Protein backbone atom coordinates (compact mmCIF):
# COMPACT_ATOMS: atom_id res chain seq x y z
CA MET A 1 24.61 22.21 21.69
CA THR A 2 21.34 21.21 23.41
CA GLU A 3 21.42 17.64 24.70
CA LEU A 4 18.49 15.27 24.37
CA PRO A 5 18.05 13.47 27.71
CA PHE A 6 17.72 9.74 27.19
CA ASP A 7 14.74 9.40 29.55
CA GLN A 8 12.80 11.99 27.55
CA VAL A 9 13.73 10.43 24.22
CA ARG A 10 12.80 6.96 25.47
CA THR A 11 9.49 8.31 26.77
CA LEU A 12 8.64 9.80 23.38
CA LEU A 13 9.35 6.43 21.75
CA ALA A 14 7.12 4.65 24.26
CA VAL A 15 4.24 7.05 23.55
CA VAL A 16 4.56 6.48 19.80
CA ASP A 17 4.81 2.70 20.16
CA GLU A 18 1.97 2.40 22.67
CA GLY A 19 -0.29 4.97 21.03
CA THR A 20 -1.35 6.86 24.16
CA PHE A 21 0.25 8.64 27.11
CA ASP A 22 -1.55 6.34 29.56
CA ALA A 23 -0.30 3.16 27.86
CA ALA A 24 3.24 4.54 27.73
CA ALA A 25 3.03 5.33 31.44
CA GLY A 26 2.17 1.70 32.13
CA THR A 27 5.10 0.47 30.08
CA LEU A 28 7.55 2.86 31.75
CA HIS A 29 6.07 2.37 35.24
CA VAL A 30 5.53 6.08 35.78
CA THR A 31 2.44 8.28 35.97
CA PRO A 32 0.74 9.69 32.83
CA SER A 33 1.57 13.14 34.22
CA ALA A 34 5.28 12.26 34.23
CA VAL A 35 5.05 11.06 30.65
CA SER A 36 3.35 14.29 29.59
CA GLN A 37 5.96 16.39 31.40
CA ARG A 38 8.86 14.54 29.77
CA VAL A 39 7.39 14.94 26.29
CA LYS A 40 6.70 18.65 26.86
CA ALA A 41 10.25 19.11 28.18
CA LEU A 42 11.66 17.43 25.08
CA GLU A 43 9.53 19.61 22.82
CA HIS A 44 10.78 22.66 24.71
CA ARG A 45 14.41 21.53 24.26
CA THR A 46 14.00 20.94 20.52
CA GLY A 47 11.72 23.91 19.92
CA ARG A 48 9.45 21.64 17.88
CA VAL A 49 6.09 19.96 18.28
CA LEU A 50 6.99 16.27 18.26
CA LEU A 51 3.60 14.58 18.61
CA THR A 52 0.09 15.08 17.27
CA ARG A 53 -2.25 14.54 20.22
CA THR A 54 -4.56 12.17 18.37
CA LYS A 55 -5.67 8.61 19.13
CA PRO A 56 -3.41 6.90 18.50
CA VAL A 57 -0.67 9.49 18.98
CA ARG A 58 1.38 10.15 15.83
CA PRO A 59 4.86 11.68 15.52
CA THR A 60 5.21 14.87 13.52
CA GLU A 61 7.95 15.14 10.91
CA SER A 62 10.30 16.42 13.62
CA GLY A 63 9.05 13.70 15.94
CA GLU A 64 9.97 11.02 13.40
CA VAL A 65 13.58 12.24 13.55
CA VAL A 66 13.66 11.87 17.34
CA VAL A 67 11.88 8.49 17.21
CA ARG A 68 14.46 7.17 14.76
CA PHE A 69 17.21 8.47 17.06
CA ALA A 70 15.51 6.76 20.02
CA ARG A 71 15.37 3.40 18.26
CA GLN A 72 19.03 3.66 17.32
CA LEU A 73 19.94 4.49 20.93
CA ALA A 74 17.93 1.51 22.14
CA ARG A 75 19.73 -0.72 19.67
CA LEU A 76 23.13 0.54 20.78
CA GLU A 77 22.17 0.06 24.42
CA ARG A 78 21.22 -3.59 23.81
CA ASP A 79 24.47 -4.18 21.89
CA THR A 80 26.50 -2.66 24.70
CA HIS A 81 24.78 -4.86 27.28
CA ALA A 82 25.46 -7.92 25.14
CA GLU A 83 29.16 -7.09 24.67
CA LEU A 84 29.55 -6.52 28.40
CA GLY A 85 27.79 -9.80 29.19
CA MET A 86 25.28 -8.03 31.40
CA THR A 87 22.41 -10.08 32.81
CA GLY A 88 19.37 -10.32 30.58
CA SER A 89 21.25 -9.56 27.36
CA GLY A 90 21.47 -13.13 26.11
CA GLY A 91 18.30 -12.99 23.97
CA PRO A 92 18.27 -13.05 20.17
CA THR A 93 19.05 -10.00 18.07
CA ARG A 94 15.93 -8.65 16.39
CA LEU A 95 16.15 -6.95 13.02
CA SER A 96 13.15 -5.12 11.59
CA ILE A 97 13.22 -4.93 7.77
CA ALA A 98 10.72 -3.55 5.25
CA VAL A 99 10.54 -5.45 1.97
CA ASN A 100 8.21 -5.45 -1.02
CA ALA A 101 5.94 -8.43 -1.64
CA ASP A 102 7.54 -9.61 -4.90
CA SER A 103 11.03 -9.66 -3.40
CA LEU A 104 9.65 -11.47 -0.36
CA ALA A 105 8.04 -14.11 -2.60
CA THR A 106 11.12 -14.69 -4.76
CA TRP A 107 14.69 -13.94 -3.68
CA PHE A 108 14.62 -12.25 -0.27
CA LEU A 109 13.81 -15.20 2.03
CA PRO A 110 16.57 -17.37 0.46
CA ALA A 111 18.94 -14.50 1.27
CA LEU A 112 17.97 -14.62 4.93
CA THR A 113 18.67 -18.34 5.10
CA ARG A 114 22.31 -17.61 4.22
CA VAL A 115 22.84 -15.33 7.22
CA PRO A 116 25.14 -17.14 9.68
CA ARG A 117 23.03 -18.87 12.33
CA GLU A 118 25.54 -18.19 15.06
CA LEU A 119 24.54 -14.50 14.93
CA GLY A 120 21.23 -15.48 16.54
CA ILE A 121 19.11 -13.08 14.51
CA CYS A 122 15.31 -12.98 14.62
CA PHE A 123 13.76 -11.15 11.67
CA GLU A 124 10.71 -8.92 11.89
CA LEU A 125 9.64 -8.35 8.29
CA ARG A 126 7.21 -5.63 7.24
CA ARG A 127 5.65 -6.07 3.81
CA GLU A 128 5.23 -2.79 1.95
CA ASP A 129 5.35 -1.56 -1.64
CA GLU A 130 8.92 -0.77 -2.69
CA ASP A 131 7.92 2.86 -3.32
CA HIS A 132 6.84 3.18 0.33
CA THR A 133 9.33 1.11 2.33
CA ALA A 134 11.63 4.12 2.76
CA ALA A 135 8.85 5.83 4.72
CA LEU A 136 9.12 3.11 7.39
CA LEU A 137 12.84 3.84 7.64
CA ARG A 138 12.17 7.55 7.89
CA GLU A 139 9.68 6.94 10.72
CA GLY A 140 12.17 4.74 12.57
CA VAL A 141 9.86 1.71 12.38
CA VAL A 142 12.45 -0.50 10.65
CA MET A 143 16.24 -0.64 10.61
CA ALA A 144 16.61 -1.53 6.92
CA ALA A 145 14.51 -1.68 3.77
CA VAL A 146 14.43 -2.90 0.20
CA THR A 147 13.28 0.21 -1.63
CA SER A 148 13.02 1.71 -5.10
CA SER A 149 14.55 4.99 -3.93
CA PRO A 150 18.27 5.68 -4.49
CA ASP A 151 18.06 8.75 -2.24
CA PRO A 152 19.17 7.82 1.28
CA VAL A 153 16.85 8.53 4.18
CA PRO A 154 18.63 10.84 6.66
CA GLY A 155 20.88 8.75 8.89
CA CYS A 156 20.89 5.83 6.44
CA SER A 157 23.26 4.41 3.85
CA VAL A 158 22.15 3.05 0.47
CA ARG A 159 23.47 0.49 -2.00
CA ALA A 160 22.13 -0.69 -5.37
CA LEU A 161 20.81 -4.25 -5.54
CA GLY A 162 19.72 -4.64 -9.17
CA ARG A 163 16.58 -4.48 -11.28
CA MET A 164 13.49 -6.64 -10.91
CA ARG A 165 12.06 -7.18 -14.37
CA TYR A 166 8.31 -7.52 -14.89
CA LEU A 167 6.76 -9.11 -17.99
CA PRO A 168 3.28 -8.39 -19.41
CA THR A 169 1.62 -11.81 -19.23
CA ALA A 170 -1.78 -13.45 -19.50
CA ASN A 171 -3.47 -16.83 -19.60
CA PRO A 172 -3.31 -18.13 -23.25
CA GLU A 173 -7.12 -18.31 -23.62
CA PHE A 174 -7.47 -14.83 -22.10
CA ALA A 175 -4.89 -13.45 -24.53
CA GLU A 176 -6.65 -15.03 -27.51
CA ARG A 177 -10.05 -13.73 -26.43
CA TRP A 178 -8.96 -10.16 -25.75
CA PHE A 179 -6.03 -9.60 -28.10
CA GLY A 180 -6.70 -11.99 -30.97
CA ALA A 181 -3.89 -11.56 -33.48
CA GLY A 182 -1.26 -11.36 -30.75
CA THR A 183 0.63 -8.50 -32.39
CA VAL A 184 1.94 -5.42 -30.65
CA ALA A 185 -0.46 -3.34 -32.77
CA ALA A 186 -3.44 -5.39 -31.58
CA LEU A 187 -2.20 -5.17 -28.01
CA ARG A 188 -1.84 -1.40 -28.29
CA ASP A 189 -5.40 -1.05 -29.59
CA LEU A 190 -7.12 -3.40 -27.17
CA ILE A 191 -5.21 -3.52 -23.88
CA ALA A 192 -6.86 -0.44 -22.36
CA ASP A 193 -10.20 -2.33 -22.40
CA ALA A 194 -8.98 -5.71 -21.12
CA PRO A 195 -9.45 -6.71 -17.46
CA VAL A 196 -6.26 -6.30 -15.48
CA VAL A 197 -4.88 -7.67 -12.20
CA VAL A 198 -3.26 -5.19 -9.80
CA PHE A 199 -1.68 -5.81 -6.42
CA ASP A 200 -3.34 -2.90 -4.61
CA ARG A 201 -4.14 0.76 -5.16
CA ASN A 202 -0.45 1.67 -4.97
CA ASP A 203 0.42 -0.71 -7.82
CA ASP A 204 1.02 1.30 -10.99
CA LEU A 205 3.18 -1.17 -12.94
CA GLN A 206 0.34 -2.10 -15.28
CA ASP A 207 -0.43 1.57 -15.91
CA ASP A 208 3.28 2.23 -16.59
CA PHE A 209 3.30 -0.50 -19.21
CA VAL A 210 0.13 0.71 -20.93
CA ARG A 211 1.29 4.32 -20.91
CA GLY A 212 4.55 3.27 -22.55
CA LEU A 213 2.64 1.24 -25.12
CA ARG A 214 -0.10 3.76 -25.95
CA GLY A 215 1.50 7.07 -25.02
CA GLY A 216 -0.59 8.28 -22.11
CA SER A 217 -3.50 5.91 -21.43
CA ASP A 218 -3.79 3.92 -18.20
CA ALA A 219 -4.76 0.28 -17.94
CA SER A 220 -8.44 -0.69 -17.93
CA ALA A 221 -10.83 0.37 -15.19
CA LEU A 222 -11.74 -3.33 -14.94
CA ARG A 223 -9.24 -3.89 -12.11
CA ASN A 224 -8.99 -6.99 -9.95
CA HIS A 225 -7.09 -6.39 -6.69
CA VAL A 226 -5.09 -9.39 -5.47
CA PRO A 227 -2.81 -8.28 -2.58
CA THR A 228 -0.36 -11.19 -2.39
CA SER A 229 2.48 -11.92 -4.79
CA GLU A 230 1.63 -15.61 -5.16
CA GLY A 231 -2.09 -14.84 -5.47
CA PHE A 232 -1.39 -12.20 -8.11
CA VAL A 233 0.47 -14.69 -10.31
CA ALA A 234 -2.22 -17.32 -9.77
CA ALA A 235 -4.94 -14.83 -10.76
CA VAL A 236 -3.16 -13.95 -14.01
CA ALA A 237 -2.56 -17.65 -14.80
CA ALA A 238 -6.23 -18.40 -14.10
CA GLY A 239 -7.39 -15.79 -16.63
CA VAL A 240 -8.78 -13.20 -14.19
CA GLY A 241 -6.91 -10.52 -16.12
CA TRP A 242 -3.51 -9.70 -17.57
CA GLY A 243 -0.74 -8.41 -15.34
CA MET A 244 2.94 -7.56 -14.93
CA VAL A 245 4.54 -10.66 -13.37
CA PRO A 246 8.14 -10.77 -12.09
CA GLU A 247 10.30 -12.54 -14.67
CA VAL A 248 11.55 -15.06 -12.11
CA GLN A 249 7.95 -16.10 -11.36
CA ALA A 250 6.77 -15.95 -14.96
CA GLU A 251 9.50 -18.08 -16.57
CA PRO A 252 8.36 -21.55 -15.38
CA LEU A 253 4.74 -20.75 -16.26
CA LEU A 254 5.75 -19.48 -19.71
CA ARG A 255 7.69 -22.70 -20.33
CA ALA A 256 4.70 -24.78 -19.21
CA GLY A 257 2.32 -22.89 -21.48
CA GLU A 258 0.27 -21.59 -18.54
CA LEU A 259 1.16 -17.99 -19.40
CA VAL A 260 2.03 -16.14 -22.58
CA ASN A 261 4.21 -13.04 -22.85
CA LEU A 262 2.06 -10.38 -24.48
CA ALA A 263 5.05 -8.35 -25.70
CA PRO A 264 8.31 -10.37 -25.59
CA ASP A 265 10.49 -7.37 -26.44
CA ARG A 266 8.97 -5.12 -23.77
CA GLY A 267 8.85 -5.03 -20.01
CA VAL A 268 9.10 -2.81 -16.96
CA ASP A 269 12.25 -2.72 -14.83
CA VAL A 270 12.02 -1.66 -11.20
CA PRO A 271 15.35 -0.72 -9.59
CA LEU A 272 15.83 -1.95 -6.04
CA PHE A 273 18.12 -0.55 -3.36
CA TRP A 274 19.07 -1.55 0.16
CA GLN A 275 18.89 1.21 2.75
CA GLN A 276 19.86 0.78 6.41
CA TRP A 277 20.69 2.74 9.51
CA LYS A 278 24.27 3.97 9.74
CA LEU A 279 25.19 1.88 12.77
CA ASP A 280 28.27 -0.16 13.58
CA PHE A 281 26.10 -3.22 14.09
CA PRO A 282 27.61 -6.59 13.03
CA ALA A 283 24.28 -8.39 12.61
CA LEU A 284 22.90 -5.69 10.33
CA ALA A 285 26.14 -5.59 8.33
CA ALA A 286 26.03 -9.38 7.85
CA VAL A 287 22.45 -9.25 6.61
CA ALA A 288 23.24 -6.39 4.23
CA THR A 289 26.15 -8.32 2.70
CA THR A 290 24.08 -11.48 2.26
CA VAL A 291 21.13 -9.61 0.76
CA ALA A 292 23.43 -7.86 -1.73
CA ASP A 293 25.08 -11.16 -2.72
CA VAL A 294 21.78 -12.96 -3.38
CA ALA A 295 20.35 -9.93 -5.21
CA ALA A 296 23.38 -9.97 -7.51
CA GLU A 297 22.64 -13.62 -8.33
CA THR A 298 18.92 -13.10 -8.87
CA LEU A 299 18.13 -9.61 -10.13
CA THR A 300 18.92 -8.12 -13.51
CA PRO A 301 22.25 -6.24 -13.39
CA GLY A 302 23.12 -3.11 -15.28
CA THR A 303 22.21 0.54 -15.16
CA LEU A 304 19.50 1.09 -12.57
CA ARG A 305 16.56 3.07 -13.80
CA ALA A 306 12.81 2.79 -13.55
CA GLY A 307 10.32 2.54 -16.37
CA PRO A 308 9.45 0.50 -19.46
CA ASP A 309 12.14 -0.75 -21.83
CA PHE A 310 10.66 0.75 -24.97
């Protein structure tokens, strides 16, 4: 079996993180020529092109595998130093986690507050749509992710967290103006023309709801992009458009009369999963357990599936 020399693997990681061969050379305190030679040697060993020579440099699909391996090796090296009490290892443990905006705004941060403080963990959170967080795991950018995919990324384990339920809501005056009678029939006839709030161009929850309601149509082209979870809810409550709001955020506003549920017997459930590197890493294991516990208290249990409840 061909071995992957650690200095070559670490050099590849430095190039990806720094973006150029010259910057990686500065970080590693070697010449750019040495960096180039190490990367070429690693590509020769693997028989694969690992980097696209662009600015910034990007890993190829094969390169992503090696980068993920490099980050795991670096993590194990730090843990080993800490367990041996070696000088310079007394700093905090850093965990990089990808999480979707709605989870971040509702249940995820309270989960992190339950992680034992004595573990000395510093969190580096990356906000990304739940359909895309697994890509950050695949690229080796993060160690764990809240994702909508039940299929484990290579080298990762996966566990179900629950379902986040989204309700079709609107400001009461907006609903009266655009949907009048307030019946499902009226909603079905008129919703494709009503202004809608979407998180960003990856957000298809509103389209999913309309397609389930009308059998194929998307939501209106009158789209207002509001790329924060709190801002999204505020925009819907202000009457900018209708939108799919997480149930946990919608409930207090529904009780206060600031929002109305456009279709009380309908909604969209998004299944969420926790994926993480397969490492014997106590800090990561503690976070995973805490996240799963809080998700069980907050999210909707039951069979995990995506799509409208029609």
